[in-house]
Amino acid sequence: MKQENTPSVNYPKWLDRKEYPFTSHYFQAPVGRMHYVDEGQGDPIVMVHGNPSWSFEFRKIISEMSKTNRCIAVDHIGFGLSDKPYEFDYLPIHQAENFELFMDSLNLENITLVFNDWGGPIGLAYAIKHPEKIKKLIILNTYLWSVENDPYFQKFSGLMGGALGRFLIKNINMFAKYFLPQVVGNKKAFTKSVHKHYYKHLATKKDRKGCYVFPREVVGSGKWLDSLWEQREKINSIPTTFVWGMKDMAFREKELNYWLANWNNPKVIRLEKVGHYPQEEAPDEVIKALRE
């Protein structure tokens, strides 16, 4: 179900409409309304965000690629301009179910999927179920396998997803406001005015539940992630380009190499001065990968 933008859409004061000038649409999921943008015409490019961001992170890609393609970017429940129901469990597997319902409502073909962070497992869960609909994958700093036994991720998930991390995220928006800038490589691209759009959408304590569930589930959702990874042969021959920020302290060169060892003939763009957000820090490189 698609709902056009109307005067009843009350954009928050912190949202720079010059930066994000797109028309708002809504899909009614069982747990609440999912906000999305749908710009341009042509073969669809669907962009899937992670934690703690929203469709805003893809605005530069949308502005350029909507000249030749239909560009769709959704906000997961609990993020951006979507509903943030406190009673929802915010597990990644259930976010993926919401995303699948949203995608099914659009009835798309020849899809290029672009995803980052938790958008990887969520987007690829759909691709694994519907490989015939996917034309191309653009993979930006993410993962798709269990890291339950990886000390690096155990430490992160235990801290950010544990009692202390949950308290700090809930009470001072710590993950989005203070931790997020640490994973950015190109600081010039990530200005204060841009950064505010990554944390202002998580306005209240109750709004931040999704933000503190995701870090816990980096390890906690290991079985689900492994179930996806075991099915990678359904999708690992789809034309794929990795656009990877090499200064990312979240998903590092180690994770990129693991992808490459398990993928068939991918293209790789390594960005030496970029961190976790290639679409924000080096959008021209992502656009270049999409244009190829």
C-alpha atoms as a PDB file:
ATOM      1  CA  MET A   1       0.000   0.000   0.000  1.00  0.00           C
ATOM      2  CA  LYS A   2       1.422   3.345  -1.063  1.00  0.00           C
ATOM      3  CA  GLN A   3       0.332   6.632   0.458  1.00  0.00           C
ATOM      4  CA  GLU A   4       1.286   9.905  -1.154  1.00  0.00           C
ATOM      5  CA  ASN A   5       2.767  12.783   0.776  1.00  0.00           C
ATOM      6  CA  THR A   6       0.062  15.057   2.208  1.00  0.00           C
ATOM      7  CA  PRO A   7       0.003  18.145   4.450  1.00  0.00           C
ATOM      8  CA  SER A   8      -0.637  15.728   7.345  1.00  0.00           C
ATOM      9  CA  VAL A   9       2.998  14.569   7.134  1.00  0.00           C
ATOM     10  CA  ASN A  10       4.625  16.633   9.856  1.00  0.00           C
ATOM     11  CA  TYR A  11       8.338  16.695   9.165  1.00  0.00           C
ATOM     12  CA  PRO A  12      10.454  17.225  12.287  1.00  0.00           C
ATOM     13  CA  LYS A  13      12.135  20.598  12.660  1.00  0.00           C
ATOM     14  CA  TRP A  14      15.614  19.063  12.629  1.00  0.00           C
ATOM     15  CA  LEU A  15      15.115  17.553   9.162  1.00  0.00           C
ATOM     16  CA  ASP A  16      16.814  19.604   6.437  1.00  0.00           C
ATOM     17  CA  ARG A  17      14.339  19.365   3.570  1.00  0.00           C
ATOM     18  CA  LYS A  18      16.929  20.762   1.164  1.00  0.00           C
ATOM     19  CA  GLU A  19      19.123  17.771   1.953  1.00  0.00           C
ATOM     20  CA  TYR A  20      16.178  15.372   1.945  1.00  0.00           C
ATOM     21  CA  PRO A  21      13.583  16.852  -0.455  1.00  0.00           C
ATOM     22  CA  PHE A  22      11.827  13.597  -1.306  1.00  0.00           C
ATOM     23  CA  THR A  23       8.117  12.802  -1.220  1.00  0.00           C
ATOM     24  CA  SER A  24       7.098  10.602   1.701  1.00  0.00           C
ATOM     25  CA  HIS A  25       5.181   7.351   1.270  1.00  0.00           C
ATOM     26  CA  TYR A  26       4.016   4.815   3.837  1.00  0.00           C
ATOM     27  CA  PHE A  27       3.544   1.068   3.935  1.00  0.00           C
ATOM     28  CA  GLN A  28       1.334  -0.351   6.658  1.00  0.00           C
ATOM     29  CA  ALA A  29       3.175  -3.284   8.227  1.00  0.00           C
ATOM     30  CA  PRO A  30       1.513  -5.376  10.959  1.00  0.00           C
ATOM     31  CA  VAL A  31       3.528  -3.580  13.655  1.00  0.00           C
ATOM     32  CA  GLY A  32       3.247  -0.026  12.292  1.00  0.00           C
ATOM     33  CA  ARG A  33       3.777   2.318   9.355  1.00  0.00           C
ATOM     34  CA  MET A  34       7.020   2.074   7.437  1.00  0.00           C
ATOM     35  CA  HIS A  35       8.116   5.324   5.829  1.00  0.00           C
ATOM     36  CA  TYR A  36       9.865   5.216   2.460  1.00  0.00           C
ATOM     37  CA  VAL A  37      10.878   7.326  -0.507  1.00  0.00           C
ATOM     38  CA  ASP A  38      10.167   6.304  -4.093  1.00  0.00           C
ATOM     39  CA  GLU A  39      11.746   8.611  -6.674  1.00  0.00           C
ATOM     40  CA  GLY A  40      12.277   8.344 -10.431  1.00  0.00           C
ATOM     41  CA  GLN A  41      11.425   5.717 -13.020  1.00  0.00           C
ATOM     42  CA  GLY A  42      13.167   2.725 -14.555  1.00  0.00           C
ATOM     43  CA  ASP A  43      14.725  -0.427 -13.149  1.00  0.00           C
ATOM     44  CA  PRO A  44      14.470  -0.231  -9.349  1.00  0.00           C
ATOM     45  CA  ILE A  45      17.337   0.432  -6.978  1.00  0.00           C
ATOM     46  CA  VAL A  46      16.344  -0.525  -3.437  1.00  0.00           C
ATOM     47  CA  MET A  47      18.485   0.794  -0.575  1.00  0.00           C
ATOM     48  CA  VAL A  48      18.502  -0.802   2.874  1.00  0.00           C
ATOM     49  CA  HIS A  49      19.966   0.961   5.911  1.00  0.00           C
ATOM     50  CA  GLY A  50      21.330  -0.368   9.185  1.00  0.00           C
ATOM     51  CA  ASN A  51      21.710   0.854  12.759  1.00  0.00           C
ATOM     52  CA  PRO A  52      21.330   3.664  13.852  1.00  0.00           C
ATOM     53  CA  SER A  53      20.455   5.364  10.593  1.00  0.00           C
ATOM     54  CA  TRP A  54      17.596   5.597   8.095  1.00  0.00           C
ATOM     55  CA  SER A  55      16.917   6.387   4.435  1.00  0.00           C
ATOM     56  CA  PHE A  56      18.569   9.799   4.866  1.00  0.00           C
ATOM     57  CA  GLU A  57      21.969   8.121   4.450  1.00  0.00           C
ATOM     58  CA  PHE A  58      21.135   7.312   0.816  1.00  0.00           C
ATOM     59  CA  ARG A  59      19.923  10.799  -0.160  1.00  0.00           C
ATOM     60  CA  LYS A  60      22.896  11.546  -2.448  1.00  0.00           C
ATOM     61  CA  ILE A  61      22.477   8.239  -4.244  1.00  0.00           C
ATOM     62  CA  ILE A  62      18.739   8.846  -4.655  1.00  0.00           C
ATOM     63  CA  SER A  63      19.213  12.391  -5.968  1.00  0.00           C
ATOM     64  CA  GLU A  64      21.569  11.205  -8.715  1.00  0.00           C
ATOM     65  CA  MET A  65      20.275   7.756  -9.618  1.00  0.00           C
ATOM     66  CA  SER A  66      16.609   8.797  -9.725  1.00  0.00           C
ATOM     67  CA  LYS A  67      17.473  10.559 -12.999  1.00  0.00           C
ATOM     68  CA  THR A  68      17.647   7.135 -14.661  1.00  0.00           C
ATOM     69  CA  ASN A  69      16.163   4.641 -12.198  1.00  0.00           C
ATOM     70  CA  ARG A  70      13.372   4.162  -9.719  1.00  0.00           C
ATOM     71  CA  CYS A  71      15.019   4.688  -6.315  1.00  0.00           C
ATOM     72  CA  ILE A  72      13.388   3.241  -3.209  1.00  0.00           C
ATOM     73  CA  ALA A  73      14.679   3.568   0.348  1.00  0.00           C
ATOM     74  CA  VAL A  74      12.676   2.457   3.371  1.00  0.00           C
ATOM     75  CA  ASP A  75      13.028   3.251   7.067  1.00  0.00           C
ATOM     76  CA  HIS A  76      12.889   0.149   9.241  1.00  0.00           C
ATOM     77  CA  ILE A  77      10.355   0.149  12.054  1.00  0.00           C
ATOM     78  CA  GLY A  78      11.944   2.106  14.906  1.00  0.00           C
ATOM     79  CA  PHE A  79      14.057   4.345  12.673  1.00  0.00           C
ATOM     80  CA  GLY A  80      13.768   7.527  10.637  1.00  0.00           C
ATOM     81  CA  LEU A  81      10.200   8.621   9.945  1.00  0.00           C
ATOM     82  CA  SER A  82       8.691   5.163  10.505  1.00  0.00           C
ATOM     83  CA  ASP A  83       6.653   4.252  13.577  1.00  0.00           C
ATOM     84  CA  LYS A  84       8.583   3.260  16.700  1.00  0.00           C
ATOM     85  CA  PRO A  85       6.271   0.932  18.652  1.00  0.00           C
ATOM     86  CA  TYR A  86       7.845   0.073  22.009  1.00  0.00           C
ATOM     87  CA  GLU A  87       6.073  -3.305  22.171  1.00  0.00           C
ATOM     88  CA  PHE A  88       7.863  -4.583  19.027  1.00  0.00           C
ATOM     89  CA  ASP A  89      10.861  -6.862  19.772  1.00  0.00           C
ATOM     90  CA  TYR A  90      13.061  -5.319  17.012  1.00  0.00           C
ATOM     91  CA  LEU A  91      14.839  -8.610  16.289  1.00  0.00           C
ATOM     92  CA  PRO A  92      16.615  -8.531  12.917  1.00  0.00           C
ATOM     93  CA  ILE A  93      14.696 -11.581  11.699  1.00  0.00           C
ATOM     94  CA  HIS A  94      11.438  -9.688  12.291  1.00  0.00           C
ATOM     95  CA  GLN A  95      12.781  -6.527  10.652  1.00  0.00           C
ATOM     96  CA  ALA A  96      13.572  -8.745   7.658  1.00  0.00           C
ATOM     97  CA  GLU A  97       9.985 -10.013   7.672  1.00  0.00           C
ATOM     98  CA  ASN A  98       8.722  -6.423   7.630  1.00  0.00           C
ATOM     99  CA  PHE A  99      11.057  -5.637   4.743  1.00  0.00           C
ATOM    100  CA  GLU A 100       9.846  -8.656   2.785  1.00  0.00           C
ATOM    101  CA  LEU A 101       6.211  -7.590   3.223  1.00  0.00           C
ATOM    102  CA  PHE A 102       7.138  -4.097   2.066  1.00  0.00           C
ATOM    103  CA  MET A 103       8.971  -5.433  -0.995  1.00  0.00           C
ATOM    104  CA  ASP A 104       6.150  -7.805  -1.873  1.00  0.00           C
ATOM    105  CA  SER A 105       3.732  -4.868  -1.857  1.00  0.00           C
ATOM    106  CA  LEU A 106       5.751  -3.154  -4.603  1.00  0.00           C
ATOM    107  CA  ASN A 107       5.962  -6.207  -6.898  1.00  0.00           C
ATOM    108  CA  LEU A 108       9.381  -5.264  -8.293  1.00  0.00           C
ATOM    109  CA  GLU A 109      11.583  -6.995 -10.875  1.00  0.00           C
ATOM    110  CA  ASN A 110      15.199  -6.425 -12.043  1.00  0.00           C
ATOM    111  CA  ILE A 111      16.126  -5.083  -8.625  1.00  0.00           C
ATOM    112  CA  THR A 112      19.512  -3.670  -7.700  1.00  0.00           C
ATOM    113  CA  LEU A 113      19.920  -4.015  -3.929  1.00  0.00           C
ATOM    114  CA  VAL A 114      22.223  -1.616  -2.090  1.00  0.00           C
ATOM    115  CA  PHE A 115      22.786  -2.182   1.617  1.00  0.00           C
ATOM    116  CA  ASN A 116      25.015  -1.338   4.551  1.00  0.00           C
ATOM    117  CA  ASP A 117      25.435  -2.593   8.128  1.00  0.00           C
ATOM    118  CA  TRP A 118      22.291  -4.493   9.299  1.00  0.00           C
ATOM    119  CA  GLY A 119      20.767  -3.668   5.918  1.00  0.00           C
ATOM    120  CA  GLY A 120      22.952  -6.505   4.602  1.00  0.00           C
ATOM    121  CA  PRO A 121      21.275  -9.422   6.403  1.00  0.00           C
ATOM    122  CA  ILE A 122      17.840  -7.790   6.108  1.00  0.00           C
ATOM    123  CA  GLY A 123      18.183  -7.120   2.379  1.00  0.00           C
ATOM    124  CA  LEU A 124      19.856 -10.422   1.562  1.00  0.00           C
ATOM    125  CA  ALA A 125      17.225 -12.403   3.470  1.00  0.00           C
ATOM    126  CA  TYR A 126      14.810 -11.085   0.828  1.00  0.00           C
ATOM    127  CA  ALA A 127      17.232 -11.804  -2.018  1.00  0.00           C
ATOM    128  CA  ILE A 128      17.713 -15.407  -0.864  1.00  0.00           C
ATOM    129  CA  LYS A 129      13.945 -15.951  -1.017  1.00  0.00           C
ATOM    130  CA  HIS A 130      13.570 -14.138  -4.347  1.00  0.00           C
ATOM    131  CA  PRO A 131      16.861 -14.466  -6.285  1.00  0.00           C
ATOM    132  CA  GLU A 132      15.012 -14.323  -9.596  1.00  0.00           C
ATOM    133  CA  LYS A 133      14.018 -10.724  -8.849  1.00  0.00           C
ATOM    134  CA  ILE A 134      17.569  -9.495  -8.152  1.00  0.00           C
ATOM    135  CA  LYS A 135      19.678  -8.110 -10.996  1.00  0.00           C
ATOM    136  CA  LYS A 136      22.651  -6.775  -9.049  1.00  0.00           C
ATOM    137  CA  LEU A 137      24.034  -6.410  -5.511  1.00  0.00           C
ATOM    138  CA  ILE A 138      26.014  -3.454  -4.163  1.00  0.00           C
ATOM    139  CA  ILE A 139      27.494  -4.482  -0.813  1.00  0.00           C
ATOM    140  CA  LEU A 140      28.726  -1.762   1.562  1.00  0.00           C
ATOM    141  CA  ASN A 141      30.466  -2.740   4.834  1.00  0.00           C
ATOM    142  CA  THR A 142      28.253  -5.455   6.264  1.00  0.00           C
ATOM    143  CA  TYR A 143      28.155  -9.180   7.050  1.00  0.00           C
ATOM    144  CA  LEU A 144      25.949 -12.268   6.682  1.00  0.00           C
ATOM    145  CA  TRP A 145      27.308 -14.983   8.996  1.00  0.00           C
ATOM    146  CA  SER A 146      27.464 -15.817  12.682  1.00  0.00           C
ATOM    147  CA  VAL A 147      30.150 -14.036  14.686  1.00  0.00           C
ATOM    148  CA  GLU A 148      29.239 -15.787  17.943  1.00  0.00           C
ATOM    149  CA  ASN A 149      32.773 -17.119  18.322  1.00  0.00           C
ATOM    150  CA  ASP A 150      34.643 -14.017  17.156  1.00  0.00           C
ATOM    151  CA  PRO A 151      36.188 -12.218  20.183  1.00  0.00           C
ATOM    152  CA  TYR A 152      36.139  -8.875  18.351  1.00  0.00           C
ATOM    153  CA  PHE A 153      32.364  -8.943  17.861  1.00  0.00           C
ATOM    154  CA  GLN A 154      31.751 -10.626  21.217  1.00  0.00           C
ATOM    155  CA  LYS A 155      33.395  -7.654  22.909  1.00  0.00           C
ATOM    156  CA  PHE A 156      31.390  -5.120  20.897  1.00  0.00           C
ATOM    157  CA  SER A 157      28.082  -6.915  21.344  1.00  0.00           C
ATOM    158  CA  GLY A 158      28.677  -7.511  25.049  1.00  0.00           C
ATOM    159  CA  LEU A 159      29.423  -3.834  25.654  1.00  0.00           C
ATOM    160  CA  MET A 160      26.939  -2.090  23.347  1.00  0.00           C
ATOM    161  CA  GLY A 161      24.253  -4.747  23.655  1.00  0.00           C
ATOM    162  CA  GLY A 162      24.662  -5.418  27.357  1.00  0.00           C
ATOM    163  CA  ALA A 163      23.128  -3.675  30.351  1.00  0.00           C
ATOM    164  CA  LEU A 164      25.533  -0.713  30.300  1.00  0.00           C
ATOM    165  CA  GLY A 165      25.245  -0.123  26.561  1.00  0.00           C
ATOM    166  CA  ARG A 166      21.475  -0.421  26.707  1.00  0.00           C
ATOM    167  CA  PHE A 167      21.334   2.101  29.565  1.00  0.00           C
ATOM    168  CA  LEU A 168      23.558   4.611  27.746  1.00  0.00           C
ATOM    169  CA  ILE A 169      21.750   4.248  24.428  1.00  0.00           C
ATOM    170  CA  LYS A 170      18.359   4.566  26.071  1.00  0.00           C
ATOM    171  CA  ASN A 171      19.238   7.541  28.245  1.00  0.00           C
ATOM    172  CA  ILE A 172      21.752   9.614  26.259  1.00  0.00           C
ATOM    173  CA  ASN A 173      21.443   8.190  22.717  1.00  0.00           C
ATOM    174  CA  MET A 174      25.065   7.132  23.055  1.00  0.00           C
ATOM    175  CA  PHE A 175      25.356   4.821  20.044  1.00  0.00           C
ATOM    176  CA  ALA A 176      24.071   7.282  17.451  1.00  0.00           C
ATOM    177  CA  LYS A 177      25.334  10.472  19.036  1.00  0.00           C
ATOM    178  CA  TYR A 178      28.779   9.507  20.319  1.00  0.00           C
ATOM    179  CA  PHE A 179      29.868   6.119  18.956  1.00  0.00           C
ATOM    180  CA  LEU A 180      28.785   6.537  15.344  1.00  0.00           C
ATOM    181  CA  PRO A 181      31.318   9.297  14.465  1.00  0.00           C
ATOM    182  CA  GLN A 182      34.105   6.923  15.525  1.00  0.00           C
ATOM    183  CA  VAL A 183      33.404   4.566  12.598  1.00  0.00           C
ATOM    184  CA  VAL A 184      33.513   7.358  10.000  1.00  0.00           C
ATOM    185  CA  GLY A 185      36.743   7.673   8.023  1.00  0.00           C
ATOM    186  CA  ASN A 186      36.077  10.796   5.955  1.00  0.00           C
ATOM    187  CA  LYS A 187      35.287  13.296   8.710  1.00  0.00           C
ATOM    188  CA  LYS A 188      34.895  16.170   6.231  1.00  0.00           C
ATOM    189  CA  ALA A 189      31.876  14.462   4.688  1.00  0.00           C
ATOM    190  CA  PHE A 190      30.315  13.787   8.072  1.00  0.00           C
ATOM    191  CA  THR A 191      29.603  17.307   9.293  1.00  0.00           C
ATOM    192  CA  LYS A 192      27.676  18.209  12.445  1.00  0.00           C
ATOM    193  CA  SER A 193      24.647  19.139  10.346  1.00  0.00           C
ATOM    194  CA  VAL A 194      24.744  15.701   8.682  1.00  0.00           C
ATOM    195  CA  HIS A 195      25.418  13.852  11.925  1.00  0.00           C
ATOM    196  CA  LYS A 196      22.327  15.268  13.632  1.00  0.00           C
ATOM    197  CA  HIS A 197      20.159  13.425  11.109  1.00  0.00           C
ATOM    198  CA  TYR A 198      21.638  10.157  12.367  1.00  0.00           C
ATOM    199  CA  TYR A 199      20.564  10.684  15.986  1.00  0.00           C
ATOM    200  CA  LYS A 200      17.722  13.217  16.064  1.00  0.00           C
ATOM    201  CA  HIS A 201      15.259  10.647  14.687  1.00  0.00           C
ATOM    202  CA  LEU A 202      15.793   8.693  17.923  1.00  0.00           C
ATOM    203  CA  ALA A 203      14.232  11.462  19.948  1.00  0.00           C
ATOM    204  CA  THR A 204      12.992   9.784  23.137  1.00  0.00           C
ATOM    205  CA  LYS A 205      14.021   6.880  25.360  1.00  0.00           C
ATOM    206  CA  LYS A 206      11.229   4.731  23.955  1.00  0.00           C
ATOM    207  CA  ASP A 207      12.280   5.578  20.391  1.00  0.00           C
ATOM    208  CA  ARG A 208      15.710   3.977  20.943  1.00  0.00           C
ATOM    209  CA  LYS A 209      14.716   0.362  21.522  1.00  0.00           C
ATOM    210  CA  GLY A 210      15.661  -0.708  17.996  1.00  0.00           C
ATOM    211  CA  CYS A 211      18.996   1.041  18.380  1.00  0.00           C
ATOM    212  CA  TYR A 212      19.937  -0.943  21.490  1.00  0.00           C
ATOM    213  CA  VAL A 213      18.520  -4.300  20.332  1.00  0.00           C
ATOM    214  CA  PHE A 214      20.658  -4.408  17.166  1.00  0.00           C
ATOM    215  CA  PRO A 215      24.057  -4.405  18.994  1.00  0.00           C
ATOM    216  CA  ARG A 216      22.947  -7.294  21.207  1.00  0.00           C
ATOM    217  CA  GLU A 217      21.845  -9.217  18.141  1.00  0.00           C
ATOM    218  CA  VAL A 218      25.237  -8.942  16.412  1.00  0.00           C
ATOM    219  CA  VAL A 219      25.978 -12.079  18.433  1.00  0.00           C
ATOM    220  CA  GLY A 220      22.444 -12.978  19.524  1.00  0.00           C
ATOM    221  CA  SER A 221      21.129 -13.542  15.992  1.00  0.00           C
ATOM    222  CA  GLY A 222      23.942 -15.925  15.084  1.00  0.00           C
ATOM    223  CA  LYS A 223      21.668 -18.856  14.209  1.00  0.00           C
ATOM    224  CA  TRP A 224      19.570 -16.722  11.879  1.00  0.00           C
ATOM    225  CA  LEU A 225      22.665 -15.250  10.254  1.00  0.00           C
ATOM    226  CA  ASP A 226      24.169 -18.697   9.736  1.00  0.00           C
ATOM    227  CA  SER A 227      20.911 -19.922   8.209  1.00  0.00           C
ATOM    228  CA  LEU A 228      21.248 -17.137   5.633  1.00  0.00           C
ATOM    229  CA  TRP A 229      24.947 -17.756   5.018  1.00  0.00           C
ATOM    230  CA  GLU A 230      24.310 -21.450   4.392  1.00  0.00           C
ATOM    231  CA  GLN A 231      22.051 -20.386   1.508  1.00  0.00           C
ATOM    232  CA  ARG A 232      24.545 -18.005  -0.090  1.00  0.00           C
ATOM    233  CA  GLU A 233      24.824 -20.148  -3.230  1.00  0.00           C
ATOM    234  CA  LYS A 234      21.354 -18.921  -4.180  1.00  0.00           C
ATOM    235  CA  ILE A 235      22.737 -15.393  -4.600  1.00  0.00           C
ATOM    236  CA  ASN A 236      26.542 -15.423  -4.783  1.00  0.00           C
ATOM    237  CA  SER A 237      26.551 -15.608  -8.595  1.00  0.00           C
ATOM    238  CA  ILE A 238      24.363 -12.501  -8.966  1.00  0.00           C
ATOM    239  CA  PRO A 239      26.564  -9.679 -10.356  1.00  0.00           C
ATOM    240  CA  THR A 240      28.015  -8.053  -7.252  1.00  0.00           C
ATOM    241  CA  THR A 241      30.171  -5.044  -6.474  1.00  0.00           C
ATOM    242  CA  PHE A 242      31.686  -4.498  -3.048  1.00  0.00           C
ATOM    243  CA  VAL A 243      32.258  -0.833  -2.227  1.00  0.00           C
ATOM    244  CA  TRP A 244      34.199  -1.054   1.005  1.00  0.00           C
ATOM    245  CA  GLY A 245      35.394   1.607   3.420  1.00  0.00           C
ATOM    246  CA  MET A 246      38.805   0.332   4.522  1.00  0.00           C
ATOM    247  CA  LYS A 247      38.952   2.578   7.608  1.00  0.00           C
ATOM    248  CA  ASP A 248      35.806   1.049   9.087  1.00  0.00           C
ATOM    249  CA  MET A 249      36.395  -0.275  12.600  1.00  0.00           C
ATOM    250  CA  ALA A 250      33.095  -2.186  12.550  1.00  0.00           C
ATOM    251  CA  PHE A 251      33.393  -4.293   9.380  1.00  0.00           C
ATOM    252  CA  ARG A 252      37.047  -4.472   8.536  1.00  0.00           C
ATOM    253  CA  GLU A 253      39.265  -5.806   5.764  1.00  0.00           C
ATOM    254  CA  LYS A 254      38.964  -9.213   7.448  1.00  0.00           C
ATOM    255  CA  GLU A 255      35.209  -9.262   6.797  1.00  0.00           C
ATOM    256  CA  LEU A 256      35.691  -8.066   3.207  1.00  0.00           C
ATOM    257  CA  ASN A 257      38.159 -10.884   2.559  1.00  0.00           C
ATOM    258  CA  TYR A 258      35.718 -13.441   3.945  1.00  0.00           C
ATOM    259  CA  TRP A 259      33.034 -12.183   1.594  1.00  0.00           C
ATOM    260  CA  LEU A 260      35.404 -12.353  -1.376  1.00  0.00           C
ATOM    261  CA  ALA A 261      36.501 -15.895  -0.554  1.00  0.00           C
ATOM    262  CA  ASN A 262      32.879 -17.006  -0.701  1.00  0.00           C
ATOM    263  CA  TRP A 263      31.547 -14.979  -3.646  1.00  0.00           C
ATOM    264  CA  ASN A 264      31.738 -15.676  -7.374  1.00  0.00           C
ATOM    265  CA  ASN A 265      33.647 -13.117  -9.476  1.00  0.00           C
ATOM    266  CA  PRO A 266      32.689  -9.954  -7.590  1.00  0.00           C
ATOM    267  CA  LYS A 267      34.021  -6.519  -8.403  1.00  0.00           C
ATOM    268  CA  VAL A 268      35.707  -4.679  -5.547  1.00  0.00           C
ATOM    269  CA  ILE A 269      36.177  -0.969  -4.912  1.00  0.00           C
ATOM    270  CA  ARG A 270      38.390  -0.409  -1.877  1.00  0.00           C
ATOM    271  CA  LEU A 271      38.153   3.090  -0.413  1.00  0.00           C
ATOM    272  CA  GLU A 272      41.262   3.667   1.669  1.00  0.00           C
ATOM    273  CA  LYS A 273      40.137   6.902   3.358  1.00  0.00           C
ATOM    274  CA  VAL A 274      36.514   5.896   3.966  1.00  0.00           C
ATOM    275  CA  GLY A 275      34.961   4.278   7.022  1.00  0.00           C
ATOM    276  CA  HIS A 276      31.632   2.607   7.700  1.00  0.00           C
ATOM    277  CA  TYR A 277      29.431   4.692   5.368  1.00  0.00           C
ATOM    278  CA  PRO A 278      30.643   4.727   1.737  1.00  0.00           C
ATOM    279  CA  GLN A 279      27.247   6.090   0.636  1.00  0.00           C
ATOM    280  CA  GLU A 280      27.749   9.091   2.924  1.00  0.00           C
ATOM    281  CA  GLU A 281      31.520   9.493   2.771  1.00  0.00           C
ATOM    282  CA  ALA A 282      32.151   8.688  -0.915  1.00  0.00           C
ATOM    283  CA  PRO A 283      28.772   8.682  -2.710  1.00  0.00           C
ATOM    284  CA  ASP A 284      30.359   9.147  -6.144  1.00  0.00           C
ATOM    285  CA  GLU A 285      32.024   5.740  -5.798  1.00  0.00           C
ATOM    286  CA  VAL A 286      28.712   4.073  -5.005  1.00  0.00           C
ATOM    287  CA  ILE A 287      27.079   5.871  -7.941  1.00  0.00           C
ATOM    288  CA  LYS A 288      29.924   4.723 -10.174  1.00  0.00           C
ATOM    289  CA  ALA A 289      29.310   1.116  -9.114  1.00  0.00           C
ATOM    290  CA  LEU A 290      25.611   1.502  -9.854  1.00  0.00           C
ATOM    291  CA  ARG A 291      26.257   3.024 -13.281  1.00  0.00           C
ATOM    292  CA  GLU A 292      28.529   0.183 -14.414  1.00  0.00           C
END
